[in-house]
Amino acid sequence: MSRSDALAPIPIIVKRNCFILGCGRSGTSLTAGLLADAGYFMGEELYPGDIGNPKGYFEDREVNGINEGLLAQIIPGAHRSLGDKLLGRAVRDPGWIRWLAEIPTDQKIGCPPKIADRIRAQVAHQPFCFKDPRFCYTLGVWRKFAPEAAVLCVFRDPAVSAASIVKEAERGEMMPGGKPVDYDRAMRIWQATYGYALNVHLPAGGDWLFVHYDQLLDGSGCDSIEKLLDAKVERGFADRKLRRTVASKPVPPEASQLYRRLCELAGFSGD
């Protein structure tokens, strides 16, 4: 080895910033968990695990709050009536449940200045990896402040996701618009989130990686993630025992067509 070789700088591999999105209950938490030990900033106040996600959600309160604020512009929360105000009655906080929203693709989402400042503060952390199902709708706003970030879109069989959404909504007593989430509504949520991602965000460009839940379990999706992000994936994090929900109801034709498109983008045959 020559002296010049010995003094040559050691190349530094910089992990790539990324956003993880996908319909709720589709594998986004698993994807973020695979990257949790890779040195990414995921937020300062991550939600702990519970019966819904024993290993954790890997979602940050501030990131969720920003996305809730963006969506609140078009999906208002509960309001007190005049009688409530006069009598001092409180309205039960419905919680941050706009991940269960159904937003049409022609609906634009703006960004007020105060929220823009909050986003800048978050993306200033380098490298970052932010995960939130609400990114299916709000990604366009965030990418204005981090256009170089890669996008990981995770999905699974729509019937499985819909059934899991119903269970999670029941467990958390989540009733968007004052109505319970049944299977048909959960399927509409699934279609709306991926429809918005594919028809609004994907055409805007950028580096995307589509990954089926099963590809995370068999390791092929992990290979693709490592190649895209230059980040180490903790493969042992995936646990097949946590695959608890089983599809038992039919998938409508529109959702089936959307699912086939996602599978094609991910190179997933399902065989």
Protein backbone atom coordinates (compact mmCIF):
# COMPACT_ATOMS: atom_id res chain seq x y z
CA MET A 1 0.00 0.00 0.00
CA SER A 2 1.40 3.39 -1.00
CA ARG A 3 1.53 6.37 1.36
CA SER A 4 -1.12 8.14 -0.73
CA ASP A 5 -3.44 5.12 -0.41
CA ALA A 6 -2.93 5.02 3.34
CA LEU A 7 -3.82 8.68 3.66
CA ALA A 8 -6.83 8.49 1.36
CA PRO A 9 -10.07 9.51 3.10
CA ILE A 10 -12.43 6.73 4.10
CA PRO A 11 -15.65 7.06 2.11
CA ILE A 12 -18.67 7.88 4.25
CA ILE A 13 -21.97 6.30 3.33
CA VAL A 14 -24.76 8.71 4.12
CA LYS A 15 -28.11 7.16 4.81
CA ARG A 16 -30.83 8.57 2.64
CA ASN A 17 -33.76 10.41 4.17
CA CYS A 18 -37.06 8.65 3.66
CA PHE A 19 -40.79 8.75 4.19
CA ILE A 20 -42.71 5.55 4.91
CA LEU A 21 -46.33 5.50 3.91
CA GLY A 22 -49.17 3.10 3.24
CA CYS A 23 -52.67 2.49 4.47
CA GLY A 24 -52.89 1.88 8.20
CA ARG A 25 -52.51 -1.78 9.21
CA SER A 26 -50.54 -2.61 6.07
CA GLY A 27 -46.98 -3.05 7.34
CA THR A 28 -45.69 0.49 7.76
CA SER A 29 -44.77 -0.11 11.41
CA LEU A 30 -42.87 -3.25 10.43
CA THR A 31 -40.97 -1.31 7.77
CA ALA A 32 -40.02 1.46 10.18
CA GLY A 33 -39.02 -1.11 12.78
CA LEU A 34 -36.61 -2.70 10.33
CA LEU A 35 -34.82 0.66 10.15
CA ALA A 36 -35.13 1.66 13.81
CA ASP A 37 -31.51 0.75 14.61
CA ALA A 38 -30.02 2.17 11.40
CA GLY A 39 -29.20 5.56 12.91
CA TYR A 40 -32.19 7.49 11.64
CA PHE A 41 -33.98 10.29 13.44
CA MET A 42 -37.58 9.13 13.70
CA GLY A 43 -38.84 11.73 16.13
CA GLU A 44 -38.44 12.81 19.72
CA GLU A 45 -41.60 11.25 21.13
CA LEU A 46 -42.37 7.88 19.56
CA TYR A 47 -45.52 6.06 20.58
CA PRO A 48 -44.84 2.88 22.58
CA GLY A 49 -46.06 -0.53 21.55
CA ASP A 50 -49.42 -1.89 22.63
CA ILE A 51 -51.73 -4.76 21.76
CA GLY A 52 -52.26 -3.29 18.30
CA ASN A 53 -48.51 -3.14 17.56
CA PRO A 54 -46.56 -4.98 20.28
CA LYS A 55 -43.16 -3.93 18.91
CA GLY A 56 -44.09 -0.28 18.53
CA TYR A 57 -45.53 2.09 15.98
CA PHE A 58 -42.38 4.12 15.24
CA GLU A 59 -44.55 7.19 14.79
CA ASP A 60 -43.71 10.53 16.35
CA ARG A 61 -46.28 12.71 18.08
CA GLU A 62 -45.10 15.89 16.35
CA VAL A 63 -45.06 14.32 12.87
CA ASN A 64 -48.55 12.94 13.48
CA GLY A 65 -49.66 16.31 14.81
CA ILE A 66 -48.39 18.11 11.74
CA ASN A 67 -50.23 15.72 9.45
CA GLU A 68 -53.38 15.98 11.54
CA GLY A 69 -53.14 19.76 11.23
CA LEU A 70 -52.78 19.55 7.45
CA LEU A 71 -55.76 17.24 7.13
CA ALA A 72 -57.85 19.26 9.59
CA GLN A 73 -58.07 21.94 6.91
CA ILE A 74 -60.39 19.67 4.93
CA ILE A 75 -61.63 17.26 7.62
CA PRO A 76 -62.76 19.31 10.63
CA GLY A 77 -62.90 17.75 14.06
CA ALA A 78 -65.73 17.78 16.56
CA HIS A 79 -67.26 21.16 17.38
CA ARG A 80 -69.32 22.24 20.37
CA SER A 81 -72.86 23.37 19.65
CA LEU A 82 -74.19 26.66 21.03
CA GLY A 83 -76.00 24.67 23.75
CA ASP A 84 -72.76 22.91 24.68
CA LYS A 85 -70.97 26.24 24.97
CA LEU A 86 -73.75 27.87 27.06
CA LEU A 87 -73.95 24.90 29.42
CA GLY A 88 -70.21 24.34 29.54
CA ARG A 89 -70.47 20.83 28.15
CA ALA A 90 -67.31 19.39 26.67
CA VAL A 91 -67.27 17.46 23.39
CA ARG A 92 -65.42 14.17 23.57
CA ASP A 93 -62.15 14.49 21.70
CA PRO A 94 -62.35 12.03 18.79
CA GLY A 95 -58.57 11.70 18.82
CA TRP A 96 -56.14 11.83 15.95
CA ILE A 97 -57.97 9.44 13.65
CA ARG A 98 -57.55 11.13 10.29
CA TRP A 99 -55.47 8.15 9.17
CA LEU A 100 -58.95 6.73 8.59
CA ALA A 101 -59.82 9.51 6.14
CA GLU A 102 -61.25 9.03 2.66
CA ILE A 103 -59.94 11.90 0.56
CA PRO A 104 -60.62 12.13 -3.20
CA THR A 105 -57.69 12.63 -5.55
CA ASP A 106 -58.95 16.03 -6.69
CA GLN A 107 -58.71 17.42 -3.14
CA LYS A 108 -55.67 19.65 -2.70
CA ILE A 109 -53.90 19.97 0.64
CA GLY A 110 -52.32 23.31 1.48
CA CYS A 111 -49.68 24.23 4.03
CA PRO A 112 -50.20 27.21 6.39
CA PRO A 113 -47.01 29.09 7.36
CA LYS A 114 -47.05 27.88 10.98
CA ILE A 115 -47.17 24.25 9.87
CA ALA A 116 -44.44 24.91 7.31
CA ASP A 117 -42.16 26.05 10.15
CA ARG A 118 -42.88 22.85 12.05
CA ILE A 119 -42.04 20.71 9.02
CA ARG A 120 -38.76 22.57 8.49
CA ALA A 121 -37.84 21.84 12.10
CA GLN A 122 -38.42 18.12 11.60
CA VAL A 123 -36.60 17.66 8.29
CA ALA A 124 -33.64 19.60 9.69
CA HIS A 125 -32.74 16.38 11.52
CA GLN A 126 -30.44 14.39 9.25
CA PRO A 127 -30.83 11.64 8.29
CA PHE A 128 -34.52 11.21 9.03
CA CYS A 129 -36.98 8.40 8.55
CA PHE A 130 -40.58 9.45 9.19
CA LYS A 131 -43.48 7.03 9.14
CA ASP A 132 -47.16 7.90 9.14
CA PRO A 133 -50.08 6.44 7.13
CA ARG A 134 -51.30 10.03 6.72
CA PHE A 135 -48.37 10.63 4.35
CA CYS A 136 -50.55 8.92 1.74
CA TYR A 137 -52.32 12.29 1.64
CA THR A 138 -49.78 14.82 2.97
CA LEU A 139 -46.60 13.64 1.26
CA GLY A 140 -46.72 16.38 -1.36
CA VAL A 141 -46.50 19.04 1.34
CA TRP A 142 -43.53 17.43 3.10
CA ARG A 143 -41.59 16.83 -0.11
CA LYS A 144 -41.53 20.57 -0.78
CA PHE A 145 -39.15 20.74 2.18
CA ALA A 146 -37.29 17.47 1.51
CA PRO A 147 -37.48 16.77 -2.24
CA GLU A 148 -34.49 14.42 -2.19
CA ALA A 149 -36.03 11.99 0.31
CA ALA A 150 -36.94 8.52 -0.91
CA VAL A 151 -40.46 7.16 -0.51
CA LEU A 152 -41.24 3.66 0.74
CA CYS A 153 -44.81 2.62 0.00
CA VAL A 154 -45.85 -0.52 1.88
CA PHE A 155 -48.99 -2.55 1.23
CA ARG A 156 -50.58 -5.95 1.74
CA ASP A 157 -53.69 -7.86 0.71
CA PRO A 158 -56.52 -5.30 0.96
CA ALA A 159 -58.86 -7.79 2.63
CA VAL A 160 -56.32 -8.37 5.40
CA SER A 161 -55.69 -4.65 5.87
CA ALA A 162 -59.41 -3.86 5.92
CA ALA A 163 -60.12 -6.55 8.51
CA SER A 164 -57.26 -5.26 10.66
CA ILE A 165 -58.51 -1.66 10.35
CA VAL A 166 -61.91 -2.75 11.64
CA LYS A 167 -60.30 -4.45 14.64
CA GLU A 168 -58.10 -1.46 15.44
CA ALA A 169 -60.96 1.02 15.09
CA GLU A 170 -63.12 -1.07 17.41
CA ARG A 171 -60.31 -1.42 19.96
CA GLY A 172 -59.67 2.31 20.00
CA GLU A 173 -63.35 3.27 19.80
CA MET A 174 -62.56 5.26 16.66
CA MET A 175 -65.65 6.55 14.87
CA PRO A 176 -64.74 9.07 12.14
CA GLY A 177 -67.73 11.30 11.51
CA GLY A 178 -69.52 9.62 14.41
CA LYS A 179 -69.92 6.32 12.54
CA PRO A 180 -68.20 2.99 13.22
CA VAL A 181 -65.71 1.56 10.75
CA ASP A 182 -67.08 -1.61 9.19
CA TYR A 183 -65.41 -3.76 6.53
CA ASP A 184 -66.88 -1.85 3.59
CA ARG A 185 -65.74 1.46 5.01
CA ALA A 186 -62.29 0.07 5.79
CA MET A 187 -62.02 -1.09 2.19
CA ARG A 188 -62.91 2.40 0.98
CA ILE A 189 -60.19 3.80 3.24
CA TRP A 190 -57.70 1.37 1.73
CA GLN A 191 -58.68 2.39 -1.80
CA ALA A 192 -58.60 6.11 -1.00
CA THR A 193 -55.14 6.09 0.58
CA TYR A 194 -53.42 4.13 -2.16
CA GLY A 195 -55.44 5.84 -4.87
CA TYR A 196 -54.18 9.22 -3.65
CA ALA A 197 -50.60 7.97 -3.36
CA LEU A 198 -50.56 6.47 -6.86
CA ASN A 199 -52.54 9.11 -8.71
CA VAL A 200 -51.34 12.28 -6.98
CA HIS A 201 -47.93 11.71 -5.40
CA LEU A 202 -46.30 9.11 -7.65
CA PRO A 203 -46.71 11.18 -10.87
CA ALA A 204 -44.90 14.05 -9.09
CA GLY A 205 -41.71 11.99 -9.37
CA GLY A 206 -38.96 11.08 -6.96
CA ASP A 207 -37.43 7.77 -5.96
CA TRP A 208 -40.12 5.33 -4.90
CA LEU A 209 -39.94 1.79 -3.64
CA PHE A 210 -43.08 -0.30 -3.41
CA VAL A 211 -42.88 -3.22 -1.01
CA HIS A 212 -45.43 -5.92 -0.24
CA TYR A 213 -45.69 -7.01 3.38
CA ASP A 214 -44.72 -10.55 2.43
CA GLN A 215 -41.52 -9.26 0.80
CA LEU A 216 -40.50 -7.89 4.18
CA LEU A 217 -40.94 -11.33 5.70
CA ASP A 218 -39.08 -13.27 3.01
CA GLY A 219 -36.20 -10.77 2.93
CA SER A 220 -36.46 -9.65 -0.70
CA GLY A 221 -38.02 -6.35 0.35
CA CYS A 222 -35.21 -5.82 2.86
CA ASP A 223 -32.65 -6.16 0.08
CA SER A 224 -34.43 -3.49 -1.93
CA ILE A 225 -34.66 -1.13 1.03
CA GLU A 226 -30.97 -1.45 1.80
CA LYS A 227 -30.06 -0.75 -1.81
CA LEU A 228 -32.28 2.34 -1.99
CA LEU A 229 -31.30 3.90 1.33
CA ASP A 230 -27.72 2.70 1.90
CA ALA A 231 -28.93 1.76 5.35
CA LYS A 232 -28.69 -1.48 7.30
CA VAL A 233 -31.98 -3.31 7.80
CA GLU A 234 -32.46 -5.30 11.00
CA ARG A 235 -33.94 -8.42 9.40
CA GLY A 236 -34.53 -10.15 12.70
CA PHE A 237 -37.16 -7.56 13.56
CA ALA A 238 -39.75 -9.19 11.28
CA ASP A 239 -41.80 -11.73 13.19
CA ARG A 240 -44.20 -13.99 11.33
CA LYS A 241 -46.02 -14.71 14.60
CA LEU A 242 -47.39 -11.16 14.54
CA ARG A 243 -49.21 -11.89 11.29
CA ARG A 244 -52.50 -12.38 13.10
CA THR A 245 -55.25 -11.09 10.79
CA VAL A 246 -56.73 -13.39 8.15
CA ALA A 247 -58.69 -12.27 5.09
CA SER A 248 -62.21 -13.68 5.15
CA LYS A 249 -64.28 -11.35 2.95
CA PRO A 250 -64.22 -10.61 -0.77
CA VAL A 251 -62.32 -7.70 -2.28
CA PRO A 252 -64.32 -5.42 -4.60
CA PRO A 253 -63.15 -5.17 -8.23
CA GLU A 254 -61.83 -1.60 -7.87
CA ALA A 255 -59.64 -2.57 -4.92
CA SER A 256 -58.47 -5.72 -6.70
CA GLN A 257 -57.36 -3.66 -9.69
CA LEU A 258 -55.50 -1.22 -7.43
CA TYR A 259 -53.87 -4.10 -5.57
CA ARG A 260 -52.67 -5.65 -8.85
CA ARG A 261 -51.07 -2.34 -9.80
CA LEU A 262 -49.27 -2.14 -6.47
CA CYS A 263 -48.03 -5.71 -6.87
CA GLU A 264 -46.69 -4.90 -10.33
CA LEU A 265 -44.83 -1.87 -9.00
CA ALA A 266 -43.33 -4.02 -6.23
CA GLY A 267 -42.50 -6.92 -8.53
CA PHE A 268 -44.57 -9.16 -6.29
CA SER A 269 -46.32 -12.16 -7.80
CA GLY A 270 -47.80 -13.62 -4.64
CA ASP A 271 -46.86 -17.13 -5.72
